[in-house]
PDB file of N, CA and C in Angstrom:
ATOM      1  N   MET A   1      81.573  93.789  99.317  1.00  0.00           N
ATOM      2  CA  MET A   1      81.250  95.082  99.890  1.00  0.00           C
ATOM      3  C   MET A   1      82.504  95.662 100.526  1.00  0.00           C
ATOM      4  N   HIS A   2      82.690  96.942 100.403  1.00  0.00           N
ATOM      5  CA  HIS A   2      83.846  97.589 100.993  1.00  0.00           C
ATOM      6  C   HIS A   2      83.388  98.700 101.933  1.00  0.00           C
ATOM      7  N   PRO A   3      84.312  99.216 102.739  1.00  0.00           N
ATOM      8  CA  PRO A   3      83.932 100.260 103.704  1.00  0.00           C
ATOM      9  C   PRO A   3      83.594 101.575 103.009  1.00  0.00           C
ATOM     10  N   ASP A   4      83.187 102.530 103.799  1.00  0.00           N
ATOM     11  CA  ASP A   4      82.882 103.877 103.311  1.00  0.00           C
ATOM     12  C   ASP A   4      84.095 104.423 102.557  1.00  0.00           C
ATOM     13  N   LEU A   5      83.875 104.964 101.373  1.00  0.00           N
ATOM     14  CA  LEU A   5      84.967 105.452 100.535  1.00  0.00           C
ATOM     15  C   LEU A   5      85.137 106.966 100.593  1.00  0.00           C
ATOM     16  N   SER A   6      84.614 107.582 101.629  1.00  0.00           N
ATOM     17  CA  SER A   6      84.761 109.030 101.792  1.00  0.00           C
ATOM     18  C   SER A   6      86.242 109.390 101.888  1.00  0.00           C
ATOM     19  N   PRO A   7      86.647 110.444 101.184  1.00  0.00           N
ATOM     20  CA  PRO A   7      88.077 110.789 101.116  1.00  0.00           C
ATOM     21  C   PRO A   7      88.737 111.071 102.465  1.00  0.00           C
ATOM     22  N   HIS A   8      88.001 111.639 103.408  1.00  0.00           N
ATOM     23  CA  HIS A   8      88.620 111.991 104.686  1.00  0.00           C
ATOM     24  C   HIS A   8      88.979 110.775 105.534  1.00  0.00           C
ATOM     25  N   LEU A   9      88.527 109.598 105.137  1.00  0.00           N
ATOM     26  CA  LEU A   9      88.792 108.381 105.906  1.00  0.00           C
ATOM     27  C   LEU A   9      90.024 107.622 105.422  1.00  0.00           C
ATOM     28  N   HIS A  10      90.598 108.034 104.298  1.00  0.00           N
ATOM     29  CA  HIS A  10      91.656 107.238 103.686  1.00  0.00           C
ATOM     30  C   HIS A  10      92.881 108.068 103.350  1.00  0.00           C
ATOM     31  N   THR A  11      93.980 107.361 103.075  1.00  0.00           N
ATOM     32  CA  THR A  11      95.230 108.014 102.700  1.00  0.00           C
ATOM     33  C   THR A  11      95.121 108.544 101.276  1.00  0.00           C
ATOM     34  N   GLU A  12      96.059 109.396 100.908  1.00  0.00           N
ATOM     35  CA  GLU A  12      96.075 109.938  99.548  1.00  0.00           C
ATOM     36  C   GLU A  12      96.240 108.820  98.521  1.00  0.00           C
ATOM     37  N   GLU A  13      97.064 107.851  98.853  1.00  0.00           N
ATOM     38  CA  GLU A  13      97.291 106.722  97.945  1.00  0.00           C
ATOM     39  C   GLU A  13      95.979 105.993  97.646  1.00  0.00           C
ATOM     40  N   CYS A  14      95.237 105.678  98.686  1.00  0.00           N
ATOM     41  CA  CYS A  14      93.967 104.974  98.491  1.00  0.00           C
ATOM     42  C   CYS A  14      92.931 105.870  97.820  1.00  0.00           C
ATOM     43  N   ASN A  15      92.934 107.151  98.160  1.00  0.00           N
ATOM     44  CA  ASN A  15      91.987 108.066  97.519  1.00  0.00           C
ATOM     45  C   ASN A  15      92.211 108.140  96.017  1.00  0.00           C
ATOM     46  N   LEU A  16      93.466 108.062  95.602  1.00  0.00           N
ATOM     47  CA  LEU A  16      93.775 108.070  94.173  1.00  0.00           C
ATOM     48  C   LEU A  16      93.189 106.829  93.489  1.00  0.00           C
ATOM     49  N   VAL A  17      93.381 105.667  94.097  1.00  0.00           N
ATOM     50  CA  VAL A  17      92.853 104.423  93.521  1.00  0.00           C
ATOM     51  C   VAL A  17      91.326 104.437  93.524  1.00  0.00           C
ATOM     52  N   ILE A  18      90.736 104.954  94.594  1.00  0.00           N
ATOM     53  CA  ILE A  18      89.277 105.042  94.684  1.00  0.00           C
ATOM     54  C   ILE A  18      88.735 105.928  93.567  1.00  0.00           C
ATOM     55  N   SER A  19      89.392 107.065  93.336  1.00  0.00           N
ATOM     56  CA  SER A  19      88.913 107.958  92.277  1.00  0.00           C
ATOM     57  C   SER A  19      89.076 107.318  90.897  1.00  0.00           C
ATOM     58  N   LEU A  20      90.150 106.543  90.694  1.00  0.00           N
ATOM     59  CA  LEU A  20      90.319 105.819  89.423  1.00  0.00           C
ATOM     60  C   LEU A  20      89.200 104.799  89.223  1.00  0.00           C
ATOM     61  N   LEU A  21      88.834 104.114  90.289  1.00  0.00           N
ATOM     62  CA  LEU A  21      87.751 103.129  90.189  1.00  0.00           C
ATOM     63  C   LEU A  21      86.419 103.806  89.875  1.00  0.00           C
ATOM     64  N   LYS A  22      86.142 104.905  90.552  1.00  0.00           N
ATOM     65  CA  LYS A  22      84.897 105.636  90.284  1.00  0.00           C
ATOM     66  C   LYS A  22      84.862 106.144  88.844  1.00  0.00           C
ATOM     67  N   LYS A  23      86.006 106.628  88.368  1.00  0.00           N
ATOM     68  CA  LYS A  23      86.091 107.107  86.990  1.00  0.00           C
ATOM     69  C   LYS A  23      85.865 105.962  86.008  1.00  0.00           C
ATOM     70  N   CYS A  24      86.448 104.814  86.288  1.00  0.00           N
ATOM     71  CA  CYS A  24      86.273 103.646  85.422  1.00  0.00           C
ATOM     72  C   CYS A  24      84.801 103.236  85.370  1.00  0.00           C
ATOM     73  N   HIS A  25      84.154 103.216  86.531  1.00  0.00           N
ATOM     74  CA  HIS A  25      82.738 102.845  86.571  1.00  0.00           C
ATOM     75  C   HIS A  25      81.879 103.843  85.800  1.00  0.00           C
ATOM     76  N   LYS A  26      82.249 105.125  85.882  1.00  0.00           N
ATOM     77  CA  LYS A  26      81.477 106.148  85.180  1.00  0.00           C
ATOM     78  C   LYS A  26      81.677 106.045  83.664  1.00  0.00           C
ATOM     79  N   GLU A  27      82.916 105.811  83.245  1.00  0.00           N
ATOM     80  CA  GLU A  27      83.220 105.766  81.815  1.00  0.00           C
ATOM     81  C   GLU A  27      82.778 104.461  81.145  1.00  0.00           C
ATOM     82  N   HIS A  28      82.679 103.410  81.908  1.00  0.00           N
ATOM     83  CA  HIS A  28      82.333 102.103  81.344  1.00  0.00           C
ATOM     84  C   HIS A  28      81.089 101.546  82.039  1.00  0.00           C
ATOM     85  N   ASN A  29      79.985 102.236  81.800  1.00  0.00           N
ATOM     86  CA  ASN A  29      78.708 101.899  82.439  1.00  0.00           C
ATOM     87  C   ASN A  29      78.367 100.422  82.389  1.00  0.00           C
ATOM     88  N   ILE A  30      78.422  99.842  81.228  1.00  0.00           N
ATOM     89  CA  ILE A  30      78.009  98.450  81.045  1.00  0.00           C
ATOM     90  C   ILE A  30      79.174  97.486  81.246  1.00  0.00           C
ATOM     91  N   LEU A  31      80.344  97.852  80.740  1.00  0.00           N
ATOM     92  CA  LEU A  31      81.505  96.958  80.817  1.00  0.00           C
ATOM     93  C   LEU A  31      81.925  96.652  82.249  1.00  0.00           C
ATOM     94  N   LYS A  32      81.595  97.539  83.198  1.00  0.00           N
ATOM     95  CA  LYS A  32      81.963  97.288  84.596  1.00  0.00           C
ATOM     96  C   LYS A  32      81.317  96.006  85.109  1.00  0.00           C
ATOM     97  N   PHE A  33      80.164  95.638  84.540  1.00  0.00           N
ATOM     98  CA  PHE A  33      79.494  94.406  84.957  1.00  0.00           C
ATOM     99  C   PHE A  33      80.170  93.164  84.397  1.00  0.00           C
ATOM    100  N   PHE A  34      81.056  93.360  83.429  1.00  0.00           N
ATOM    101  CA  PHE A  34      81.762  92.240  82.814  1.00  0.00           C
ATOM    102  C   PHE A  34      83.237  92.225  83.199  1.00  0.00           C
ATOM    103  N   GLY A  35      83.584  92.921  84.285  1.00  0.00           N
ATOM    104  CA  GLY A  35      84.925  92.847  84.832  1.00  0.00           C
ATOM    105  C   GLY A  35      85.930  93.845  84.289  1.00  0.00           C
ATOM    106  N   HIS A  36      85.471  94.850  83.572  1.00  0.00           N
ATOM    107  CA  HIS A  36      86.393  95.810  82.977  1.00  0.00           C
ATOM    108  C   HIS A  36      87.203  96.567  84.038  1.00  0.00           C
ATOM    109  N   CYS A  37      86.631  96.827  85.177  1.00  0.00           N
ATOM    110  CA  CYS A  37      87.291  97.616  86.216  1.00  0.00           C
ATOM    111  C   CYS A  37      87.826  96.753  87.364  1.00  0.00           C
ATOM    112  N   ASN A  38      87.864  95.453  87.188  1.00  0.00           N
ATOM    113  CA  ASN A  38      88.249  94.552  88.273  1.00  0.00           C
ATOM    114  C   ASN A  38      89.673  94.750  88.769  1.00  0.00           C
ATOM    115  N   ASP A  39      90.605  95.048  87.871  1.00  0.00           N
ATOM    116  CA  ASP A  39      91.992  95.244  88.300  1.00  0.00           C
ATOM    117  C   ASP A  39      92.114  96.434  89.243  1.00  0.00           C
ATOM    118  N   ILE A  40      91.438  97.512  88.908  1.00  0.00           N
ATOM    119  CA  ILE A  40      91.465  98.702  89.766  1.00  0.00           C
ATOM    120  C   ILE A  40      90.766  98.399  91.087  1.00  0.00           C
ATOM    121  N   ASP A  41      89.688  97.639  91.038  1.00  0.00           N
ATOM    122  CA  ASP A  41      88.969  97.261  92.251  1.00  0.00           C
ATOM    123  C   ASP A  41      89.873  96.435  93.168  1.00  0.00           C
ATOM    124  N   ARG A  42      90.629  95.524  92.599  1.00  0.00           N
ATOM    125  CA  ARG A  42      91.550  94.708  93.405  1.00  0.00           C
ATOM    126  C   ARG A  42      92.612  95.586  94.067  1.00  0.00           C
ATOM    127  N   GLU A  43      93.143  96.541  93.312  1.00  0.00           N
ATOM    128  CA  GLU A  43      94.134  97.457  93.872  1.00  0.00           C
ATOM    129  C   GLU A  43      93.539  98.282  95.011  1.00  0.00           C
ATOM    130  N   MET A  44      92.298  98.721  94.843  1.00  0.00           N
ATOM    131  CA  MET A  44      91.642  99.491  95.884  1.00  0.00           C
ATOM    132  C   MET A  44      91.465  98.643  97.141  1.00  0.00           C
ATOM    133  N   ARG A  45      91.013  97.416  96.970  1.00  0.00           N
ATOM    134  CA  ARG A  45      90.829  96.532  98.123  1.00  0.00           C
ATOM    135  C   ARG A  45      92.155  96.251  98.826  1.00  0.00           C
ATOM    136  N   LYS A  46      93.214  96.092  98.042  1.00  0.00           N
ATOM    137  CA  LYS A  46      94.541  95.859  98.602  1.00  0.00           C
ATOM    138  C   LYS A  46      94.985  97.067  99.432  1.00  0.00           C
ATOM    139  N   CYS A  47      94.739  98.257  98.907  1.00  0.00           N
ATOM    140  CA  CYS A  47      95.102  99.479  99.606  1.00  0.00           C
ATOM    141  C   CYS A  47      94.277  99.641 100.888  1.00  0.00           C
ATOM    142  N   LEU A  48      92.985  99.379 100.808  1.00  0.00           N
ATOM    143  CA  LEU A  48      92.126  99.487 101.987  1.00  0.00           C
ATOM    144  C   LEU A  48      92.515  98.458 103.045  1.00  0.00           C
ATOM    145  N   ARG A  49      92.897  97.278 102.619  1.00  0.00           N
ATOM    146  CA  ARG A  49      93.347  96.236 103.552  1.00  0.00           C
ATOM    147  C   ARG A  49      94.621  96.691 104.263  1.00  0.00           C
ATOM    148  N   LYS A  50      95.538  97.290 103.508  1.00  0.00           N
ATOM    149  CA  LYS A  50      96.784  97.788 104.084  1.00  0.00           C
ATOM    150  C   LYS A  50      96.486  98.860 105.139  1.00  0.00           C
ATOM    151  N   GLU A  51      95.596  99.785 104.813  1.00  0.00           N
ATOM    152  CA  GLU A  51      95.186 100.815 105.773  1.00  0.00           C
ATOM    153  C   GLU A  51      94.595 100.181 107.027  1.00  0.00           C
ATOM    154  N   TYR A  52      93.730  99.207 106.833  1.00  0.00           N
ATOM    155  CA  TYR A  52      93.068  98.534 107.953  1.00  0.00           C
ATOM    156  C   TYR A  52      94.100  97.889 108.878  1.00  0.00           C
ATOM    157  N   GLU A  53      95.057  97.175 108.272  1.00  0.00           N
ATOM    158  CA  GLU A  53      96.077  96.493 109.066  1.00  0.00           C
ATOM    159  C   GLU A  53      96.952  97.498 109.816  1.00  0.00           C
ATOM    160  N   GLU A  54      97.309  98.610 109.179  1.00  0.00           N
ATOM    161  CA  GLU A  54      98.116  99.638 109.848  1.00  0.00           C
ATOM    162  C   GLU A  54      97.352 100.253 111.015  1.00  0.00           C
ATOM    163  N   ASN A  55      96.070 100.560 110.808  1.00  0.00           N
ATOM    164  CA  ASN A  55      95.249 101.114 111.891  1.00  0.00           C
ATOM    165  C   ASN A  55      95.103 100.126 113.030  1.00  0.00           C
ATOM    166  N   ARG A  56      94.942  98.877 112.689  1.00  0.00           N
ATOM    167  CA  ARG A  56      94.790  97.840 113.712  1.00  0.00           C
ATOM    168  C   ARG A  56      96.062  97.726 114.555  1.00  0.00           C
ATOM    169  N   ALA A  57      97.217  97.729 113.906  1.00  0.00           N
ATOM    170  CA  ALA A  57      98.487  97.644 114.629  1.00  0.00           C
ATOM    171  C   ALA A  57      98.688  98.874 115.516  1.00  0.00           C
ATOM    172  N   ARG A  58      98.365 100.044 114.988  1.00  0.00           N
ATOM    173  CA  ARG A  58      98.504 101.285 115.764  1.00  0.00           C
ATOM    174  C   ARG A  58      97.587 101.255 116.990  1.00  0.00           C
ATOM    175  N   ASN A  59      96.356 100.795 116.821  1.00  0.00           N
ATOM    176  CA  ASN A  59      95.428 100.724 117.949  1.00  0.00           C
ATOM    177  C   ASN A  59      95.871  99.693 118.973  1.00  0.00           C
ATOM    178  N   LYS A  60      96.471  98.608 118.515  1.00  0.00           N
ATOM    179  CA  LYS A  60      96.963  97.575 119.432  1.00  0.00           C
ATOM    180  C   LYS A  60      98.089  98.143 120.297  1.00  0.00           C
ATOM    181  N   GLU A  61      98.992  98.905 119.672  1.00  0.00           N
ATOM    182  CA  GLU A  61     100.083  99.534 120.422  1.00  0.00           C
ATOM    183  C   GLU A  61      99.542 100.529 121.445  1.00  0.00           C
ATOM    184  N   LYS A  62      98.548 101.332 121.033  1.00  0.00           N
ATOM    185  CA  LYS A  62      97.930 102.294 121.953  1.00  0.00           C
ATOM    186  C   LYS A  62      97.309 101.583 123.149  1.00  0.00           C
ATOM    187  N   ARG A  63      96.571 100.512 122.859  1.00  0.00           N
ATOM    188  CA  ARG A  63      95.913  99.751 123.921  1.00  0.00           C
ATOM    189  C   ARG A  63      96.942  99.193 124.889  1.00  0.00           C
ATOM    190  N   GLN A  64      98.050  98.680 124.366  1.00  0.00           N
ATOM    191  CA  GLN A  64      99.085  98.098 125.209  1.00  0.00           C
ATOM    192  C   GLN A  64      99.715  99.163 126.098  1.00  0.00           C
ATOM    193  N   ARG A  65      99.947 100.370 125.559  1.00  0.00           N
ATOM    194  CA  ARG A  65     100.497 101.460 126.370  1.00  0.00           C
ATOM    195  C   ARG A  65      99.536 101.838 127.498  1.00  0.00           C
ATOM    196  N   ILE A  66      98.245 101.877 127.199  1.00  0.00           N
ATOM    197  CA  ILE A  66      97.245 102.228 128.213  1.00  0.00           C
ATOM    198  C   ILE A  66      97.213 101.166 129.308  1.00  0.00           C
ATOM    199  N   ILE A  67      97.231  99.909 128.904  1.00  0.00           N
ATOM    200  CA  ILE A  67      97.211  98.814 129.879  1.00  0.00           C
ATOM    201  C   ILE A  67      98.456  98.871 130.760  1.00  0.00           C
ATOM    202  N   ASN A  68      99.616  99.089 130.137  1.00  0.00           N
ATOM    203  CA  ASN A  68     100.856  99.164 130.915  1.00  0.00           C
ATOM    204  C   ASN A  68     100.847 100.349 131.867  1.00  0.00           C
ATOM    205  N   ALA A  69     100.340 101.488 131.411  1.00  0.00           N
ATOM    206  CA  ALA A  69     100.255 102.671 132.278  1.00  0.00           C
ATOM    207  C   ALA A  69      99.341 102.400 133.451  1.00  0.00           C
ATOM    208  N   HIS A  70      98.250 101.712 133.206  1.00  0.00           N
ATOM    209  CA  HIS A  70      97.304 101.393 134.282  1.00  0.00           C
ATOM    210  C   HIS A  70      97.943 100.420 135.280  1.00  0.00           C
ATOM    211  N   LYS A  71      98.673  99.434 134.797  1.00  0.00           N
ATOM    212  CA  LYS A  71      99.342  98.471 135.694  1.00  0.00           C
ATOM    213  C   LYS A  71     100.405  99.177 136.537  1.00  0.00           C
ATOM    214  N   ASN A  72     101.152 100.087 135.923  1.00  0.00           N
ATOM    215  CA  ASN A  72     102.203 100.808 136.658  1.00  0.00           C
ATOM    216  C   ASN A  72     101.605 101.724 137.704  1.00  0.00           C
ATOM    217  N   ARG A  73     100.438 102.259 137.436  1.00  0.00           N
ATOM    218  CA  ARG A  73      99.783 103.144 138.392  1.00  0.00           C
ATOM    219  C   ARG A  73      99.299 102.361 139.601  1.00  0.00           C
ATOM    220  N   GLU A  74      98.908 101.117 139.425  1.00  0.00           N
ATOM    221  CA  GLU A  74      98.394 100.299 140.528  1.00  0.00           C
ATOM    222  C   GLU A  74      99.500  99.836 141.465  1.00  0.00           C
ATOM    223  N   LYS A  75     100.745  99.795 140.997  1.00  0.00           N
ATOM    224  CA  LYS A  75     101.849  99.307 141.825  1.00  0.00           C
ATOM    225  C   LYS A  75     102.252 100.272 142.881  1.00  0.00           C
TER     226      LYS A  75
END
């Protein structure tokens, strides 16, 4: 299972891979069950993982700045 694939949630790079996967599933109705679109699916998951890790790192930095600002305010 993967996260919501709505375009506004992802980068252009991932949106391109997502649209390729959707197109593959549409064009190969039956073959998708036999792994025809697996390579594109792997690329999509790799891209989504990269996005997730970047967001996680960005949020960690934000949290650290907030914590540091709060500590400096208490001094």
